[in-house]
Amino acid sequence: MNTKIHNLSLGGVTGIIVGFLGIIFIYFIHFILNQYLSASEGVALLPISFFQLLLVAICFIYILFSYILIVLINKKRKKHEVKKWNSNAKQIRRIYLIHLIFGGIILYYILVVGDLKLIIPTSLILYGIASVLANKFTRGATRVLGFLFLLNGVLAFIYPNYSFILWGISFGIYHICYGIIYNNKI
């Protein structure tokens, strides 16, 4: 793939910042969940439906903020005569958008059914599948990133007590490592 293509890469500083944001948001969600389960804190007084909506809103804010951040950081590439769109970049966006919509439907169903312990493993597996599928349109090792997410998704199914740790490792540490390894030098 041409290195002069603007495809909202997670290489370099973008991946590092998104990784740190992922760790912060996952810690925040875990903290709120622990407060809710403790039954003695103020959050525990919320009805379960409001609490679920609060968690969904936090996740949506993270996704939206991450996307905006990726766009803003990658805008510097325009100054260096980087192409804004090409067929590979469109394919990458299409793959992740389809998985985001499909994953949202699946995760909403899991939420409605009440099997909340499946949310983290399912989200890891869906992101892993999207990364593996997007690999042929990228210049980084997105396939490796995808397989690591798939592995953590399977581990989260097997060891549900470690789900938040595996989620943090995936969306935090893996993105930070990807950003360091695939540093965009434009």
Protein backbone atom coordinates (compact mmCIF):
# COMPACT_ATOMS: atom_id res chain seq x y z
CA MET A 1 0.00 0.00 0.00
CA ASN A 2 1.24 3.48 -0.82
CA THR A 3 2.64 5.21 2.25
CA LYS A 4 1.12 8.50 1.08
CA ILE A 5 -2.46 7.35 1.69
CA HIS A 6 -4.61 8.91 4.36
CA ASN A 7 -6.49 6.01 5.94
CA LEU A 8 -6.89 7.04 9.58
CA SER A 9 -3.96 4.91 10.69
CA LEU A 10 -3.39 3.81 14.27
CA GLY A 11 0.35 3.85 13.65
CA GLY A 12 2.52 6.29 15.55
CA VAL A 13 1.21 8.80 18.06
CA THR A 14 -2.40 8.06 17.06
CA GLY A 15 -2.26 4.45 18.24
CA ILE A 16 -0.43 5.43 21.42
CA ILE A 17 -3.00 8.08 22.37
CA VAL A 18 -5.97 5.86 21.47
CA GLY A 19 -4.40 3.06 23.53
CA PHE A 20 -4.05 5.28 26.59
CA LEU A 21 -7.63 6.52 26.10
CA GLY A 22 -8.79 2.92 25.90
CA ILE A 23 -7.13 2.09 29.20
CA ILE A 24 -8.65 5.18 30.86
CA PHE A 25 -12.18 4.46 29.59
CA ILE A 26 -12.00 0.77 30.49
CA TYR A 27 -10.79 1.65 33.99
CA PHE A 28 -13.64 4.17 34.28
CA ILE A 29 -16.24 1.58 33.20
CA HIS A 30 -14.76 -0.99 35.58
CA PHE A 31 -14.79 1.57 38.42
CA ILE A 32 -18.45 2.48 37.82
CA LEU A 33 -19.40 -1.20 37.59
CA ASN A 34 -17.66 -1.93 40.91
CA GLN A 35 -19.43 1.06 42.50
CA TYR A 36 -22.76 -0.23 41.24
CA LEU A 37 -22.13 -3.75 42.54
CA SER A 38 -20.99 -2.52 45.96
CA ALA A 39 -24.59 -1.44 46.77
CA SER A 40 -23.35 1.18 49.24
CA GLU A 41 -22.30 3.84 46.75
CA GLY A 42 -24.44 6.50 45.04
CA VAL A 43 -24.28 4.75 41.66
CA ALA A 44 -25.90 1.66 43.20
CA LEU A 45 -29.11 3.63 43.72
CA LEU A 46 -29.63 3.92 39.96
CA PRO A 47 -32.14 1.57 38.34
CA ILE A 48 -30.44 -1.17 36.31
CA SER A 49 -31.88 0.13 33.03
CA PHE A 50 -30.42 3.60 33.65
CA PHE A 51 -27.10 2.06 34.67
CA GLN A 52 -27.00 0.01 31.45
CA LEU A 53 -27.72 3.13 29.41
CA LEU A 54 -24.94 4.94 31.28
CA LEU A 55 -22.45 2.22 30.32
CA VAL A 56 -23.62 2.30 26.69
CA ALA A 57 -23.25 6.10 26.66
CA ILE A 58 -19.70 5.87 28.05
CA CYS A 59 -18.76 3.33 25.36
CA PHE A 60 -20.33 5.49 22.64
CA ILE A 61 -18.43 8.55 23.88
CA TYR A 62 -15.19 6.55 23.80
CA ILE A 63 -15.80 5.37 20.22
CA LEU A 64 -16.79 8.85 19.04
CA PHE A 65 -13.92 10.58 20.84
CA SER A 66 -11.40 8.03 19.52
CA TYR A 67 -12.60 8.44 15.94
CA ILE A 68 -12.49 12.25 16.15
CA LEU A 69 -9.03 12.07 17.69
CA ILE A 70 -7.79 9.75 14.93
CA VAL A 71 -9.15 12.13 12.28
CA LEU A 72 -7.60 15.21 13.91
CA ILE A 73 -4.19 13.65 14.42
CA ASN A 74 -4.12 12.29 10.87
CA LYS A 75 -5.11 15.67 9.37
CA LYS A 76 -1.46 16.68 9.49
CA ARG A 77 -0.94 14.29 6.60
CA LYS A 78 -2.96 16.55 4.31
CA LYS A 79 -0.24 19.17 4.64
CA HIS A 80 2.21 16.68 3.16
CA GLU A 81 0.11 16.11 0.01
CA VAL A 82 -1.28 12.83 1.20
CA LYS A 83 -4.28 11.50 -0.67
CA LYS A 84 -7.41 11.81 1.43
CA TRP A 85 -9.31 8.79 0.09
CA ASN A 86 -8.49 5.79 -2.02
CA SER A 87 -10.12 2.42 -2.57
CA ASN A 88 -8.13 0.71 0.21
CA ALA A 89 -9.01 3.38 2.75
CA LYS A 90 -12.67 3.12 1.77
CA GLN A 91 -12.55 -0.66 2.18
CA ILE A 92 -11.00 -0.35 5.64
CA ARG A 93 -13.68 2.10 6.74
CA ARG A 94 -16.41 -0.12 5.25
CA ILE A 95 -15.14 -3.23 7.06
CA TYR A 96 -15.02 -1.50 10.44
CA LEU A 97 -18.37 0.23 9.91
CA ILE A 98 -20.09 -3.05 9.03
CA HIS A 99 -18.57 -4.72 12.08
CA LEU A 100 -19.53 -1.76 14.27
CA ILE A 101 -23.16 -1.94 13.14
CA PHE A 102 -23.30 -5.75 13.25
CA GLY A 103 -21.51 -5.76 16.61
CA GLY A 104 -23.88 -3.13 17.98
CA ILE A 105 -26.85 -5.32 17.07
CA ILE A 106 -25.26 -8.39 18.65
CA LEU A 107 -24.20 -6.52 21.79
CA TYR A 108 -27.65 -4.94 22.13
CA TYR A 109 -29.20 -8.42 21.91
CA ILE A 110 -26.79 -9.68 24.60
CA LEU A 111 -27.77 -6.70 26.74
CA VAL A 112 -31.50 -7.38 26.27
CA VAL A 113 -31.08 -11.08 27.06
CA GLY A 114 -29.13 -10.11 30.17
CA ASP A 115 -26.00 -12.17 29.55
CA LEU A 116 -23.66 -9.25 30.27
CA LYS A 117 -20.59 -11.44 30.77
CA LEU A 118 -20.57 -12.05 26.98
CA ILE A 119 -20.25 -8.37 26.03
CA ILE A 120 -16.49 -8.08 26.48
CA PRO A 121 -15.52 -11.34 24.74
CA THR A 122 -17.91 -10.63 21.87
CA SER A 123 -16.58 -7.10 21.35
CA LEU A 124 -12.99 -8.39 21.34
CA ILE A 125 -13.80 -11.13 18.83
CA LEU A 126 -15.70 -8.77 16.51
CA TYR A 127 -12.87 -6.23 16.52
CA GLY A 128 -10.39 -9.05 15.91
CA ILE A 129 -12.35 -10.31 12.91
CA ALA A 130 -12.55 -6.80 11.47
CA SER A 131 -8.79 -6.34 11.90
CA VAL A 132 -8.01 -9.64 10.19
CA LEU A 133 -10.32 -8.78 7.28
CA ALA A 134 -8.86 -5.26 6.94
CA ASN A 135 -5.27 -6.54 6.87
CA LYS A 136 -4.99 -6.85 3.10
CA PHE A 137 -5.85 -3.13 2.76
CA THR A 138 -3.28 -1.88 5.29
CA ARG A 139 0.49 -1.64 5.40
CA GLY A 140 0.81 -2.61 9.06
CA ALA A 141 0.37 -5.98 10.74
CA THR A 142 -3.34 -5.55 11.33
CA ARG A 143 -3.76 -9.33 11.02
CA VAL A 144 -1.48 -9.83 14.04
CA LEU A 145 -3.47 -7.23 15.97
CA GLY A 146 -6.68 -9.03 14.97
CA PHE A 147 -5.42 -12.44 16.08
CA LEU A 148 -4.35 -10.99 19.43
CA PHE A 149 -7.86 -9.55 19.89
CA LEU A 150 -9.38 -12.92 18.93
CA LEU A 151 -7.13 -14.71 21.43
CA ASN A 152 -8.10 -12.27 24.19
CA GLY A 153 -11.79 -12.70 23.26
CA VAL A 154 -11.53 -16.47 23.64
CA LEU A 155 -9.63 -16.06 26.91
CA ALA A 156 -12.36 -13.69 28.16
CA PHE A 157 -14.94 -16.41 27.43
CA ILE A 158 -12.89 -18.98 29.33
CA TYR A 159 -11.86 -16.68 32.20
CA PRO A 160 -14.70 -14.14 32.68
CA ASN A 161 -13.13 -12.83 35.91
CA TYR A 162 -10.26 -11.42 33.83
CA SER A 163 -12.44 -9.86 31.13
CA PHE A 164 -11.68 -6.24 32.03
CA ILE A 165 -7.97 -6.94 32.19
CA LEU A 166 -8.06 -8.63 28.78
CA TRP A 167 -10.17 -5.76 27.40
CA GLY A 168 -7.65 -3.22 28.72
CA ILE A 169 -4.73 -5.17 27.30
CA SER A 170 -6.42 -5.37 23.92
CA PHE A 171 -7.74 -1.85 23.43
CA GLY A 172 -4.96 -0.24 25.42
CA ILE A 173 -1.64 -2.03 25.33
CA TYR A 174 -2.04 -3.62 21.88
CA HIS A 175 -2.89 -0.25 20.31
CA ILE A 176 0.02 1.40 22.08
CA CYS A 177 2.40 -1.31 20.83
CA TYR A 178 0.95 -1.07 17.32
CA GLY A 179 1.46 2.69 17.41
CA ILE A 180 5.08 2.31 18.49
CA ILE A 181 5.91 -0.43 15.99
CA TYR A 182 4.17 1.20 13.03
CA ASN A 183 5.25 4.77 13.59
CA ASN A 184 4.04 6.95 10.70
CA LYS A 185 6.88 9.14 9.55
CA ILE A 186 5.39 11.57 7.09
